C-alpha atoms as a PDB file:
ATOM      1  CA  MET A   1      64.475  45.324 -15.249  1.00  0.00           C
ATOM      2  CA  GLU A   2      65.103  44.206 -12.014  1.00  0.00           C
ATOM      3  CA  GLN A   3      61.321  43.121 -11.687  1.00  0.00           C
ATOM      4  CA  LEU A   4      62.223  41.412 -14.845  1.00  0.00           C
ATOM      5  CA  ILE A   5      64.715  39.430 -13.433  1.00  0.00           C
ATOM      6  CA  ARG A   6      63.294  38.812  -9.977  1.00  0.00           C
ATOM      7  CA  VAL A   7      59.923  37.028 -11.946  1.00  0.00           C
ATOM      8  CA  ILE A   8      61.778  34.930 -13.855  1.00  0.00           C
ATOM      9  CA  ALA A   9      64.348  33.431 -11.790  1.00  0.00           C
ATOM     10  CA  ARG A  10      61.656  32.715  -8.825  1.00  0.00           C
ATOM     11  CA  ALA A  11      59.740  31.428 -11.873  1.00  0.00           C
ATOM     12  CA  LEU A  12      62.702  28.388 -12.134  1.00  0.00           C
ATOM     13  CA  VAL A  13      63.816  27.295  -8.722  1.00  0.00           C
ATOM     14  CA  ASP A  14      62.502  25.290  -5.919  1.00  0.00           C
ATOM     15  CA  HIS A  15      63.512  28.056  -3.393  1.00  0.00           C
ATOM     16  CA  PRO A  16      62.322  31.523  -5.466  1.00  0.00           C
ATOM     17  CA  GLU A  17      62.380  32.704  -1.321  1.00  0.00           C
ATOM     18  CA  ASP A  18      66.089  32.973  -1.596  1.00  0.00           C
ATOM     19  CA  VAL A  19      66.097  34.533  -5.277  1.00  0.00           C
ATOM     20  CA  GLN A  20      67.959  38.259  -4.330  1.00  0.00           C
ATOM     21  CA  ILE A  21      69.748  40.694  -7.114  1.00  0.00           C
ATOM     22  CA  GLN A  22      72.066  43.536  -6.283  1.00  0.00           C
ATOM     23  CA  VAL A  23      72.393  46.440  -9.031  1.00  0.00           C
ATOM     24  CA  ARG A  24      75.774  48.225  -9.776  1.00  0.00           C
ATOM     25  CA  GLU A  25      76.877  49.652 -12.468  1.00  0.00           C
ATOM     26  CA  ASP A  26      80.819  49.885 -13.396  1.00  0.00           C
ATOM     27  CA  ALA A  27      82.478  49.764 -16.856  1.00  0.00           C
ATOM     28  CA  ARG A  28      80.677  47.415 -18.637  1.00  0.00           C
ATOM     29  CA  GLY A  29      77.551  48.591 -17.947  1.00  0.00           C
ATOM     30  CA  LEU A  30      74.516  48.146 -15.756  1.00  0.00           C
ATOM     31  CA  VAL A  31      75.354  45.096 -14.049  1.00  0.00           C
ATOM     32  CA  TYR A  32      72.699  42.977 -12.241  1.00  0.00           C
ATOM     33  CA  GLU A  33      74.202  40.518 -10.252  1.00  0.00           C
ATOM     34  CA  LEU A  34      71.797  37.024  -9.455  1.00  0.00           C
ATOM     35  CA  SER A  35      72.090  34.942  -5.865  1.00  0.00           C
ATOM     36  CA  VAL A  36      69.828  32.100  -5.255  1.00  0.00           C
ATOM     37  CA  HIS A  37      69.642  29.031  -3.689  1.00  0.00           C
ATOM     38  CA  PRO A  38      73.437  26.975  -4.113  1.00  0.00           C
ATOM     39  CA  ASP A  39      70.954  23.842  -4.448  1.00  0.00           C
ATOM     40  CA  ASP A  40      69.553  26.375  -7.126  1.00  0.00           C
ATOM     41  CA  VAL A  41      72.214  27.222  -9.128  1.00  0.00           C
ATOM     42  CA  GLY A  42      72.287  24.572 -11.452  1.00  0.00           C
ATOM     43  CA  LYS A  43      68.126  25.074 -12.727  1.00  0.00           C
ATOM     44  CA  VAL A  44      69.023  29.096 -13.010  1.00  0.00           C
ATOM     45  CA  ILE A  45      72.544  28.157 -15.627  1.00  0.00           C
ATOM     46  CA  GLY A  46      70.701  25.023 -17.132  1.00  0.00           C
ATOM     47  CA  LYS A  47      72.620  22.442 -19.510  1.00  0.00           C
ATOM     48  CA  GLN A  48      75.734  23.817 -21.055  1.00  0.00           C
ATOM     49  CA  GLY A  49      74.061  27.599 -19.970  1.00  0.00           C
ATOM     50  CA  ARG A  50      70.954  27.334 -21.948  1.00  0.00           C
ATOM     51  CA  ILE A  51      68.642  28.622 -19.189  1.00  0.00           C
ATOM     52  CA  ALA A  52      71.000  31.966 -17.891  1.00  0.00           C
ATOM     53  CA  LYS A  53      71.688  32.552 -21.876  1.00  0.00           C
ATOM     54  CA  ALA A  54      67.633  32.736 -22.433  1.00  0.00           C
ATOM     55  CA  LEU A  55      67.332  34.866 -19.173  1.00  0.00           C
ATOM     56  CA  ARG A  56      70.356  37.400 -20.915  1.00  0.00           C
ATOM     57  CA  THR A  57      68.448  37.690 -23.950  1.00  0.00           C
ATOM     58  CA  VAL A  58      65.531  38.299 -22.956  1.00  0.00           C
ATOM     59  CA  VAL A  59      67.223  40.931 -20.754  1.00  0.00           C
ATOM     60  CA  THR A  60      69.307  42.199 -23.319  1.00  0.00           C
ATOM     61  CA  SER A  61      66.105  42.353 -25.200  1.00  0.00           C
ATOM     62  CA  ALA A  62      64.242  44.555 -22.905  1.00  0.00           C
ATOM     63  CA  SER A  63      66.952  47.273 -22.039  1.00  0.00           C
ATOM     64  CA  VAL A  64      67.329  48.642 -25.480  1.00  0.00           C
ATOM     65  CA  LYS A  65      63.753  50.322 -24.472  1.00  0.00           C
ATOM     66  CA  GLU A  66      66.711  51.732 -21.911  1.00  0.00           C
ATOM     67  CA  ARG A  67      69.085  52.295 -24.284  1.00  0.00           C
ATOM     68  CA  LYS A  68      71.972  50.734 -21.358  1.00  0.00           C
ATOM     69  CA  ARG A  69      73.570  48.248 -21.590  1.00  0.00           C
ATOM     70  CA  VAL A  70      73.323  45.302 -19.247  1.00  0.00           C
ATOM     71  CA  ILE A  71      74.369  42.886 -17.809  1.00  0.00           C
ATOM     72  CA  VAL A  72      73.550  39.683 -15.728  1.00  0.00           C
ATOM     73  CA  ASP A  73      75.745  37.481 -13.541  1.00  0.00           C
ATOM     74  CA  ILE A  74      75.039  34.770 -11.520  1.00  0.00           C
ATOM     75  CA  ILE A  75      76.345  34.197  -8.166  1.00  0.00           C
ATOM     76  CA  SER A  76      76.822  30.877  -7.372  1.00  0.00           C
ATOM     77  CA  GLU A  77      77.974  30.446  -3.806  1.00  0.00           C
END
């Protein structure tokens, strides 16, 4: 799952070397915290959050196989 998020995020940004993913588990499920270069945050979120929503939809669909709730948080610093 982490690799899927990494591949999609790197394709969207201008600074792919700055894509970082932290994984943790909490009460909501498995949480992937995606952080990118500050200049690329808008590209990952997209207009009105469309790119972020699409990314979350793809990851959620892929997680059905694992039977775990997966959440993608985009960290803007």
